[in-house]
Amino acid sequence: MLIAEQEWRFVTAAADALMIEFAAQIDLTINAQVHRLVQLIQAHDGAGIIEVVPSYRSVLVYYDVLNYSEAQVRNRLAPWVSQVLDERESGALQQLQNSGTLHQVKVCYDAEFGLDIVAVADALGGTVEDVIKLHTAPEYHVYTLGFAPRFAYLGDVDERLRLPRHATPRQKVPAGSVAIAGQQTAIYPSVSPGGWQILGRATQLPELKAGDRVRFIAVSASEFAQLQESQS
């Protein structure tokens, strides 16, 4: 199969690292390509590959630079990229998109925890209930992890909820805060600075990994308190 040049490319990332980049956008199919490529690399030995790091649209490959050249690594990786794109055309990647563990996360959207939910509702020209319905409707995909340990980037947020980050981040965002920024949503796994729009607080912090799926379930303040007490 002839691979169109714009679909992917190799980028030298460091003296011992090579990047495979797919199209520059946040997209479920592109992210599935990333994780399928990681599967193929990890299933084979050779070319001195030491570590593989996936992201939204790219795979960073660290290799044994003392025993292998970049050209050798490129030659090893290129057929796997071709296989991934073949699978995309055949529809085989759709199974990978839906293969991750589904986590159902209970969230209290009361203003006590949803520090920005009233402002978000105002920006939408709707109500807090509208925001909750829009945020809990999708089944979200875990694109990648980063920023902080266990911080998972989830998508895609309904287009009506795609608001920018705050111009000035908060110094402390409480652990468990559920927030949105652009087409992404996330659960803050620990207390940290952050500029996302905070909609609520999760009752638990699931162990998420790339490729997993998340569905948010709204709970009342009293149910949230009961769940917190039972977990303490």
C-alpha atoms as a PDB file:
ATOM      1  CA  MET A   1       0.000   0.000   0.000  1.00  0.00           C
ATOM      2  CA  LEU A   2       1.310   3.419  -0.916  1.00  0.00           C
ATOM      3  CA  ILE A   3       1.138   5.608   2.194  1.00  0.00           C
ATOM      4  CA  ALA A   4       0.239   9.218   1.445  1.00  0.00           C
ATOM      5  CA  GLU A   5       2.979  11.506   2.695  1.00  0.00           C
ATOM      6  CA  GLN A   6       0.558  13.744   4.607  1.00  0.00           C
ATOM      7  CA  GLU A   7      -0.881  10.839   6.632  1.00  0.00           C
ATOM      8  CA  TRP A   8       2.224  10.260   8.715  1.00  0.00           C
ATOM      9  CA  ARG A   9       5.901  11.075   8.981  1.00  0.00           C
ATOM     10  CA  PHE A  10       9.077  10.238  10.880  1.00  0.00           C
ATOM     11  CA  VAL A  11      10.618  13.009  12.985  1.00  0.00           C
ATOM     12  CA  THR A  12      14.022  12.790  14.664  1.00  0.00           C
ATOM     13  CA  ALA A  13      13.209  13.586  18.289  1.00  0.00           C
ATOM     14  CA  ALA A  14      16.619  13.104  19.904  1.00  0.00           C
ATOM     15  CA  ALA A  15      19.916  11.317  19.368  1.00  0.00           C
ATOM     16  CA  ASP A  16      18.243   8.112  20.590  1.00  0.00           C
ATOM     17  CA  ALA A  17      14.586   8.785  19.810  1.00  0.00           C
ATOM     18  CA  LEU A  18      12.362   8.741  16.748  1.00  0.00           C
ATOM     19  CA  MET A  19       8.806  10.091  16.506  1.00  0.00           C
ATOM     20  CA  ILE A  20       6.061   8.714  14.268  1.00  0.00           C
ATOM     21  CA  GLU A  21       3.500  11.490  13.767  1.00  0.00           C
ATOM     22  CA  PHE A  22       0.034  11.072  12.336  1.00  0.00           C
ATOM     23  CA  ALA A  23      -2.314  13.907  11.298  1.00  0.00           C
ATOM     24  CA  ALA A  24      -2.209  16.956  13.597  1.00  0.00           C
ATOM     25  CA  GLN A  25      -5.630  16.760  15.211  1.00  0.00           C
ATOM     26  CA  ILE A  26      -7.441  15.210  18.170  1.00  0.00           C
ATOM     27  CA  ASP A  27      -9.390  12.390  16.574  1.00  0.00           C
ATOM     28  CA  LEU A  28     -10.550   8.941  17.706  1.00  0.00           C
ATOM     29  CA  THR A  29      -9.341   7.139  14.592  1.00  0.00           C
ATOM     30  CA  ILE A  30      -5.927   8.801  14.706  1.00  0.00           C
ATOM     31  CA  ASN A  31      -5.583   7.932  18.391  1.00  0.00           C
ATOM     32  CA  ALA A  32      -6.574   4.336  17.617  1.00  0.00           C
ATOM     33  CA  GLN A  33      -3.785   4.281  15.016  1.00  0.00           C
ATOM     34  CA  VAL A  34      -1.353   5.400  17.707  1.00  0.00           C
ATOM     35  CA  HIS A  35      -2.333   2.644  20.130  1.00  0.00           C
ATOM     36  CA  ARG A  36      -2.420  -0.038  17.442  1.00  0.00           C
ATOM     37  CA  LEU A  37       1.098   0.937  16.401  1.00  0.00           C
ATOM     38  CA  VAL A  38       2.217   0.671  20.020  1.00  0.00           C
ATOM     39  CA  GLN A  39       0.706  -2.834  20.163  1.00  0.00           C
ATOM     40  CA  LEU A  40       2.611  -3.902  17.062  1.00  0.00           C
ATOM     41  CA  ILE A  41       5.907  -2.491  18.301  1.00  0.00           C
ATOM     42  CA  GLN A  42       5.555  -4.103  21.716  1.00  0.00           C
ATOM     43  CA  ALA A  43       4.621  -7.450  20.162  1.00  0.00           C
ATOM     44  CA  HIS A  44       7.908  -7.647  18.243  1.00  0.00           C
ATOM     45  CA  ASP A  45      11.517  -7.558  19.301  1.00  0.00           C
ATOM     46  CA  GLY A  46      14.254  -6.084  17.188  1.00  0.00           C
ATOM     47  CA  ALA A  47      15.965  -2.878  16.138  1.00  0.00           C
ATOM     48  CA  GLY A  48      16.945  -2.251  19.742  1.00  0.00           C
ATOM     49  CA  ILE A  49      13.697  -0.519  20.729  1.00  0.00           C
ATOM     50  CA  ILE A  50      13.876   0.372  24.433  1.00  0.00           C
ATOM     51  CA  GLU A  51      10.711   2.333  25.186  1.00  0.00           C
ATOM     52  CA  VAL A  52       7.520   3.398  23.401  1.00  0.00           C
ATOM     53  CA  VAL A  53       5.535   6.489  24.491  1.00  0.00           C
ATOM     54  CA  PRO A  54       2.113   7.184  22.889  1.00  0.00           C
ATOM     55  CA  SER A  55       0.321  10.535  22.792  1.00  0.00           C
ATOM     56  CA  TYR A  56      -2.754  11.920  21.016  1.00  0.00           C
ATOM     57  CA  ARG A  57      -1.344  11.562  17.520  1.00  0.00           C
ATOM     58  CA  SER A  58       2.206  10.320  17.779  1.00  0.00           C
ATOM     59  CA  VAL A  59       4.430   7.537  19.060  1.00  0.00           C
ATOM     60  CA  LEU A  60       7.836   8.338  20.522  1.00  0.00           C
ATOM     61  CA  VAL A  61      10.296   5.458  20.195  1.00  0.00           C
ATOM     62  CA  TYR A  62      13.531   5.305  22.191  1.00  0.00           C
ATOM     63  CA  TYR A  63      16.110   2.911  20.771  1.00  0.00           C
ATOM     64  CA  ASP A  64      19.592   1.530  21.417  1.00  0.00           C
ATOM     65  CA  VAL A  65      21.625   4.139  19.584  1.00  0.00           C
ATOM     66  CA  LEU A  66      24.904   2.324  20.276  1.00  0.00           C
ATOM     67  CA  ASN A  67      23.897  -0.693  18.203  1.00  0.00           C
ATOM     68  CA  TYR A  68      21.268   0.582  15.785  1.00  0.00           C
ATOM     69  CA  SER A  69      21.092   3.515  13.418  1.00  0.00           C
ATOM     70  CA  GLU A  70      18.036   5.687  12.956  1.00  0.00           C
ATOM     71  CA  ALA A  71      17.722   4.340   9.412  1.00  0.00           C
ATOM     72  CA  GLN A  72      17.517   0.773  10.735  1.00  0.00           C
ATOM     73  CA  VAL A  73      14.801   1.744  13.198  1.00  0.00           C
ATOM     74  CA  ARG A  74      12.850   3.565  10.493  1.00  0.00           C
ATOM     75  CA  ASN A  75      13.009   0.508   8.267  1.00  0.00           C
ATOM     76  CA  ARG A  76      11.772  -1.645  11.129  1.00  0.00           C
ATOM     77  CA  LEU A  77       8.854   0.650  11.983  1.00  0.00           C
ATOM     78  CA  ALA A  78       7.609   1.610   8.501  1.00  0.00           C
ATOM     79  CA  PRO A  79       5.873  -1.728   7.711  1.00  0.00           C
ATOM     80  CA  TRP A  80       3.979  -1.550  10.999  1.00  0.00           C
ATOM     81  CA  VAL A  81       2.767   1.954  10.181  1.00  0.00           C
ATOM     82  CA  SER A  82       1.627   0.627   6.818  1.00  0.00           C
ATOM     83  CA  GLN A  83      -0.220  -2.218   8.559  1.00  0.00           C
ATOM     84  CA  VAL A  84      -1.967   0.250  10.882  1.00  0.00           C
ATOM     85  CA  LEU A  85      -3.197   2.320   7.948  1.00  0.00           C
ATOM     86  CA  ASP A  86      -4.346  -0.817   6.130  1.00  0.00           C
ATOM     87  CA  GLU A  87      -6.361  -1.776   9.211  1.00  0.00           C
ATOM     88  CA  ARG A  88      -7.871   1.682   9.319  1.00  0.00           C
ATOM     89  CA  GLU A  89      -9.061   1.313   5.736  1.00  0.00           C
ATOM     90  CA  SER A  90     -10.532  -2.121   6.458  1.00  0.00           C
ATOM     91  CA  GLY A  91     -12.374  -0.886   9.553  1.00  0.00           C
ATOM     92  CA  ALA A  92     -10.410  -3.157  11.901  1.00  0.00           C
ATOM     93  CA  LEU A  93      -9.364  -0.192  14.056  1.00  0.00           C
ATOM     94  CA  GLN A  94     -12.972   0.358  15.138  1.00  0.00           C
ATOM     95  CA  GLN A  95     -12.734  -2.690  17.393  1.00  0.00           C
ATOM     96  CA  LEU A  96      -9.713  -1.187  19.140  1.00  0.00           C
ATOM     97  CA  GLN A  97     -11.602   2.066  19.789  1.00  0.00           C
ATOM     98  CA  ASN A  98     -14.223   0.166  21.796  1.00  0.00           C
ATOM     99  CA  SER A  99     -12.002  -2.403  23.492  1.00  0.00           C
ATOM    100  CA  GLY A 100     -10.902  -0.437  26.571  1.00  0.00           C
ATOM    101  CA  THR A 101     -12.381  -0.839  30.037  1.00  0.00           C
ATOM    102  CA  LEU A 102     -15.540   1.180  30.657  1.00  0.00           C
ATOM    103  CA  HIS A 103     -15.440   3.193  33.912  1.00  0.00           C
ATOM    104  CA  GLN A 104     -18.638   4.679  35.313  1.00  0.00           C
ATOM    105  CA  VAL A 105     -17.695   7.684  37.440  1.00  0.00           C
ATOM    106  CA  LYS A 106     -20.197   9.352  39.767  1.00  0.00           C
ATOM    107  CA  VAL A 107     -19.945  13.135  39.900  1.00  0.00           C
ATOM    108  CA  CYS A 108     -21.611  15.770  42.063  1.00  0.00           C
ATOM    109  CA  TYR A 109     -22.226  18.872  39.945  1.00  0.00           C
ATOM    110  CA  ASP A 110     -23.418  21.094  42.822  1.00  0.00           C
ATOM    111  CA  ALA A 111     -21.891  24.589  42.802  1.00  0.00           C
ATOM    112  CA  GLU A 112     -19.944  23.714  45.971  1.00  0.00           C
ATOM    113  CA  PHE A 113     -17.794  21.431  43.803  1.00  0.00           C
ATOM    114  CA  GLY A 114     -18.526  22.775  40.323  1.00  0.00           C
ATOM    115  CA  LEU A 115     -16.701  26.037  40.787  1.00  0.00           C
ATOM    116  CA  ASP A 116     -17.342  27.135  37.205  1.00  0.00           C
ATOM    117  CA  ILE A 117     -20.600  25.385  36.379  1.00  0.00           C
ATOM    118  CA  VAL A 118     -22.791  28.474  36.791  1.00  0.00           C
ATOM    119  CA  ALA A 119     -20.455  30.538  34.591  1.00  0.00           C
ATOM    120  CA  VAL A 120     -20.378  27.743  32.022  1.00  0.00           C
ATOM    121  CA  ALA A 121     -24.189  27.637  31.988  1.00  0.00           C
ATOM    122  CA  ASP A 122     -24.278  31.407  31.505  1.00  0.00           C
ATOM    123  CA  ALA A 123     -21.792  31.159  28.633  1.00  0.00           C
ATOM    124  CA  LEU A 124     -24.056  28.585  26.979  1.00  0.00           C
ATOM    125  CA  GLY A 125     -27.146  30.682  27.575  1.00  0.00           C
ATOM    126  CA  GLY A 126     -28.662  27.731  29.424  1.00  0.00           C
ATOM    127  CA  THR A 127     -29.050  26.253  32.880  1.00  0.00           C
ATOM    128  CA  VAL A 128     -26.823  24.187  35.146  1.00  0.00           C
ATOM    129  CA  GLU A 129     -29.074  21.220  34.346  1.00  0.00           C
ATOM    130  CA  ASP A 130     -28.316  21.748  30.639  1.00  0.00           C
ATOM    131  CA  VAL A 131     -24.587  21.617  31.369  1.00  0.00           C
ATOM    132  CA  ILE A 132     -24.972  18.412  33.387  1.00  0.00           C
ATOM    133  CA  LYS A 133     -26.983  16.742  30.615  1.00  0.00           C
ATOM    134  CA  LEU A 134     -24.429  17.717  27.977  1.00  0.00           C
ATOM    135  CA  HIS A 135     -21.482  16.562  30.060  1.00  0.00           C
ATOM    136  CA  THR A 136     -22.965  13.220  31.123  1.00  0.00           C
ATOM    137  CA  ALA A 137     -24.366  12.275  27.695  1.00  0.00           C
ATOM    138  CA  PRO A 138     -21.212  11.049  25.875  1.00  0.00           C
ATOM    139  CA  GLU A 139     -19.069   8.007  26.491  1.00  0.00           C
ATOM    140  CA  TYR A 140     -15.587   9.502  26.640  1.00  0.00           C
ATOM    141  CA  HIS A 141     -12.390   8.006  25.244  1.00  0.00           C
ATOM    142  CA  VAL A 142      -9.089   8.182  27.143  1.00  0.00           C
ATOM    143  CA  TYR A 143      -6.766   9.635  24.535  1.00  0.00           C
ATOM    144  CA  THR A 144      -3.578   9.795  26.568  1.00  0.00           C
ATOM    145  CA  LEU A 145      -2.130  10.468  30.024  1.00  0.00           C
ATOM    146  CA  GLY A 146       0.101  13.380  30.946  1.00  0.00           C
ATOM    147  CA  PHE A 147       0.519  16.768  32.682  1.00  0.00           C
ATOM    148  CA  ALA A 148       0.598  14.985  36.057  1.00  0.00           C
ATOM    149  CA  PRO A 149       0.647  11.329  37.168  1.00  0.00           C
ATOM    150  CA  ARG A 150      -2.735   9.654  36.435  1.00  0.00           C
ATOM    151  CA  PHE A 151      -4.083  12.753  34.665  1.00  0.00           C
ATOM    152  CA  ALA A 152      -6.125  11.364  31.760  1.00  0.00           C
ATOM    153  CA  TYR A 153      -7.266  13.442  28.785  1.00  0.00           C
ATOM    154  CA  LEU A 154     -10.795  12.404  27.774  1.00  0.00           C
ATOM    155  CA  GLY A 155     -12.824  13.283  24.707  1.00  0.00           C
ATOM    156  CA  ASP A 156     -14.830  14.321  22.991  1.00  0.00           C
ATOM    157  CA  VAL A 157     -16.859  16.981  24.792  1.00  0.00           C
ATOM    158  CA  ASP A 158     -20.100  18.120  23.171  1.00  0.00           C
ATOM    159  CA  GLU A 159     -19.386  21.094  20.883  1.00  0.00           C
ATOM    160  CA  ARG A 160     -21.703  23.305  22.945  1.00  0.00           C
ATOM    161  CA  LEU A 161     -19.455  22.781  25.992  1.00  0.00           C
ATOM    162  CA  ARG A 162     -16.145  23.543  24.299  1.00  0.00           C
ATOM    163  CA  LEU A 163     -14.951  26.519  26.299  1.00  0.00           C
ATOM    164  CA  PRO A 164     -11.347  27.708  26.654  1.00  0.00           C
ATOM    165  CA  ARG A 165      -9.187  27.407  29.740  1.00  0.00           C
ATOM    166  CA  HIS A 166      -9.113  30.278  32.222  1.00  0.00           C
ATOM    167  CA  ALA A 167      -6.659  33.014  31.292  1.00  0.00           C
ATOM    168  CA  THR A 168      -5.261  32.795  34.835  1.00  0.00           C
ATOM    169  CA  PRO A 169      -5.099  29.252  36.252  1.00  0.00           C
ATOM    170  CA  ARG A 170      -6.144  28.499  39.813  1.00  0.00           C
ATOM    171  CA  GLN A 171      -3.295  27.838  42.189  1.00  0.00           C
ATOM    172  CA  LYS A 172      -5.049  24.823  43.714  1.00  0.00           C
ATOM    173  CA  VAL A 173      -7.639  22.634  42.040  1.00  0.00           C
ATOM    174  CA  PRO A 174      -9.057  20.040  44.472  1.00  0.00           C
ATOM    175  CA  ALA A 175      -8.378  16.366  43.789  1.00  0.00           C
ATOM    176  CA  GLY A 176     -11.292  14.689  42.039  1.00  0.00           C
ATOM    177  CA  SER A 177     -12.391  17.866  40.265  1.00  0.00           C
ATOM    178  CA  VAL A 178     -14.075  17.135  36.937  1.00  0.00           C
ATOM    179  CA  ALA A 179     -13.334  19.826  34.372  1.00  0.00           C
ATOM    180  CA  ILE A 180     -13.497  20.752  30.705  1.00  0.00           C
ATOM    181  CA  ALA A 181     -11.251  22.643  28.288  1.00  0.00           C
ATOM    182  CA  GLY A 182     -11.880  22.765  24.555  1.00  0.00           C
ATOM    183  CA  GLN A 183     -12.976  19.342  23.342  1.00  0.00           C
ATOM    184  CA  GLN A 184     -11.472  17.584  26.368  1.00  0.00           C
ATOM    185  CA  THR A 185     -12.617  16.699  29.866  1.00  0.00           C
ATOM    186  CA  ALA A 186     -10.635  15.280  32.776  1.00  0.00           C
ATOM    187  CA  ILE A 187     -10.582  14.322  36.448  1.00  0.00           C
ATOM    188  CA  TYR A 188      -7.823  15.996  38.455  1.00  0.00           C
ATOM    189  CA  PRO A 189      -6.152  13.074  40.254  1.00  0.00           C
ATOM    190  CA  SER A 190      -4.491  15.221  42.917  1.00  0.00           C
ATOM    191  CA  VAL A 191      -4.408  18.785  44.190  1.00  0.00           C
ATOM    192  CA  SER A 192      -2.608  20.874  41.575  1.00  0.00           C
ATOM    193  CA  PRO A 193      -2.680  24.174  39.698  1.00  0.00           C
ATOM    194  CA  GLY A 194      -5.078  24.161  36.772  1.00  0.00           C
ATOM    195  CA  GLY A 195      -6.924  26.392  34.361  1.00  0.00           C
ATOM    196  CA  TRP A 196      -9.754  24.130  33.214  1.00  0.00           C
ATOM    197  CA  GLN A 197     -13.439  24.932  33.768  1.00  0.00           C
ATOM    198  CA  ILE A 198     -14.492  22.932  36.848  1.00  0.00           C
ATOM    199  CA  LEU A 199     -17.944  21.353  36.618  1.00  0.00           C
ATOM    200  CA  GLY A 200     -18.049  19.060  39.642  1.00  0.00           C
ATOM    201  CA  ARG A 201     -16.298  16.527  41.873  1.00  0.00           C
ATOM    202  CA  ALA A 202     -15.934  12.791  41.290  1.00  0.00           C
ATOM    203  CA  THR A 203     -16.692  10.369  44.096  1.00  0.00           C
ATOM    204  CA  GLN A 204     -13.756   8.156  43.125  1.00  0.00           C
ATOM    205  CA  LEU A 205     -10.526   8.347  41.126  1.00  0.00           C
ATOM    206  CA  PRO A 206     -10.471   5.460  38.646  1.00  0.00           C
ATOM    207  CA  GLU A 207      -7.211   3.985  37.415  1.00  0.00           C
ATOM    208  CA  LEU A 208      -7.460   5.046  33.789  1.00  0.00           C
ATOM    209  CA  LYS A 209      -5.224   4.012  30.939  1.00  0.00           C
ATOM    210  CA  ALA A 210      -5.075   5.102  27.316  1.00  0.00           C
ATOM    211  CA  GLY A 211      -7.851   3.466  25.310  1.00  0.00           C
ATOM    212  CA  ASP A 212     -10.250   3.143  28.262  1.00  0.00           C
ATOM    213  CA  ARG A 213     -13.747   4.644  28.193  1.00  0.00           C
ATOM    214  CA  VAL A 214     -15.476   6.819  30.782  1.00  0.00           C
ATOM    215  CA  ARG A 215     -19.114   7.672  31.414  1.00  0.00           C
ATOM    216  CA  PHE A 216     -20.021  10.303  34.031  1.00  0.00           C
ATOM    217  CA  ILE A 217     -23.103   9.806  36.213  1.00  0.00           C
ATOM    218  CA  ALA A 218     -24.603  12.765  38.097  1.00  0.00           C
ATOM    219  CA  VAL A 219     -25.311  12.296  41.815  1.00  0.00           C
ATOM    220  CA  SER A 220     -26.817  14.583  44.447  1.00  0.00           C
ATOM    221  CA  ALA A 221     -24.828  16.260  47.205  1.00  0.00           C
ATOM    222  CA  SER A 222     -26.302  13.888  49.792  1.00  0.00           C
ATOM    223  CA  GLU A 223     -25.387  10.814  47.741  1.00  0.00           C
ATOM    224  CA  PHE A 224     -21.908  12.254  47.209  1.00  0.00           C
ATOM    225  CA  ALA A 225     -21.475  12.672  50.972  1.00  0.00           C
ATOM    226  CA  GLN A 226     -22.676   9.129  51.620  1.00  0.00           C
ATOM    227  CA  LEU A 227     -20.273   7.696  49.051  1.00  0.00           C
ATOM    228  CA  GLN A 228     -17.382   9.708  50.466  1.00  0.00           C
ATOM    229  CA  GLU A 229     -18.197   8.497  53.973  1.00  0.00           C
ATOM    230  CA  SER A 230     -18.381   4.868  52.864  1.00  0.00           C
ATOM    231  CA  GLN A 231     -14.966   5.151  51.216  1.00  0.00           C
ATOM    232  CA  SER A 232     -13.266   6.752  54.231  1.00  0.00           C
END
